[in-house]
C-alpha cells in the first residue's frame, strides 16, 4: 500500500534523477558525462519502477508484448 512516505520518496528520486541528468549534460569530460548519464538512467528506471509498484499494475500486463502468443491446444 502507498503510505505518506511515497510522495516524499518520489520527490527525492525525481530531484536526484534531474540533478544527475543535469550533471551529465554539463560534464566537461566524456567519462563524467557517460558516468552521470548511466546514473541518471538507473535513477530514472528506479523511479519508474516505484510508480509501477504503487499503481499495482499486474506484471502480465507489463510483459504481454514480449511473450509469445499462446496457442490453444485441442483436447483429444
Protein backbone atom coordinates (compact mmCIF):
# COMPACT_ATOMS: atom_id res chain seq x y z
CA UNK A 1 0.00 0.00 0.00
CA UNK A 2 1.03 3.58 -0.64
CA UNK A 3 1.91 5.42 2.55
CA UNK A 4 2.68 9.06 3.33
CA UNK A 5 6.35 8.33 2.66
CA UNK A 6 5.67 7.66 -1.03
CA UNK A 7 5.31 11.30 -2.17
CA UNK A 8 8.49 12.23 -0.30
CA UNK A 9 10.49 9.37 -1.80
CA UNK A 10 9.16 10.05 -5.31
CA UNK A 11 10.03 13.73 -4.98
CA UNK A 12 13.57 12.94 -3.78
CA UNK A 13 14.06 10.40 -6.57
CA UNK A 14 12.83 12.88 -9.17
CA UNK A 15 15.17 15.59 -7.90
CA UNK A 16 18.07 13.12 -7.87
CA UNK A 17 17.32 12.00 -11.43
CA UNK A 18 17.13 15.57 -12.63
CA UNK A 19 20.36 16.52 -10.87
CA UNK A 20 22.21 13.56 -12.35
CA UNK A 21 20.86 14.36 -15.82
CA UNK A 22 21.99 17.97 -15.43
CA UNK A 23 25.45 16.83 -14.34
CA UNK A 24 25.63 14.57 -17.40
CA UNK A 25 24.67 17.48 -19.65
CA UNK A 26 27.12 19.91 -18.02
CA UNK A 27 30.04 17.47 -17.77
CA UNK A 28 33.34 18.58 -19.23
CA UNK A 29 34.81 15.16 -19.93
CA UNK A 30 33.38 12.20 -21.77
CA UNK A 31 33.96 9.94 -18.78
CA UNK A 32 31.99 12.22 -16.47
CA UNK A 33 29.19 12.61 -19.00
CA UNK A 34 28.79 8.87 -19.51
CA UNK A 35 29.02 8.16 -15.78
CA UNK A 36 26.34 10.68 -14.86
CA UNK A 37 24.16 9.59 -17.79
CA UNK A 38 24.28 5.99 -16.60
CA UNK A 39 23.47 7.01 -13.02
CA UNK A 40 20.64 9.21 -14.28
CA UNK A 41 19.17 6.35 -16.31
CA UNK A 42 19.34 3.97 -13.36
CA UNK A 43 17.68 6.51 -11.07
CA UNK A 44 15.00 7.11 -13.69
CA UNK A 45 14.30 3.40 -14.02
CA UNK A 46 14.06 3.12 -10.23
CA UNK A 47 11.58 5.97 -10.26
CA UNK A 48 9.53 4.27 -12.95
CA UNK A 49 9.58 1.01 -11.03
CA UNK A 50 8.27 2.71 -7.90
CA UNK A 51 5.38 4.18 -9.85
CA UNK A 52 4.52 0.77 -11.31
CA UNK A 53 4.58 -0.77 -7.84
CA UNK A 54 2.38 1.99 -6.42
CA UNK A 55 -0.16 1.71 -9.23
CA UNK A 56 -0.46 -2.06 -8.74
CA UNK A 57 -0.08 -2.90 -12.41
CA UNK A 58 -0.20 -6.64 -13.00
CA UNK A 59 3.13 -7.96 -14.27
CA UNK A 60 1.36 -9.88 -17.03
CA UNK A 61 0.12 -6.59 -18.48
CA UNK A 62 3.63 -5.13 -18.45
CA UNK A 63 5.27 -8.03 -20.25
CA UNK A 64 2.48 -9.21 -22.57
CA UNK A 65 4.15 -7.58 -25.59
CA UNK A 66 7.27 -9.76 -25.10
CA UNK A 67 5.59 -13.09 -24.50
CA UNK A 68 4.77 -15.27 -27.48
CA UNK A 69 1.14 -15.71 -28.38
CA UNK A 70 -0.49 -18.63 -26.64
CA UNK A 71 -1.85 -21.26 -28.93
CA UNK A 72 -4.79 -23.28 -27.80
CA UNK A 73 -4.15 -27.00 -27.58
CA UNK A 74 -7.08 -29.05 -28.86
CA UNK A 75 -8.45 -31.53 -26.36
CA UNK A 76 -8.50 -35.09 -27.56
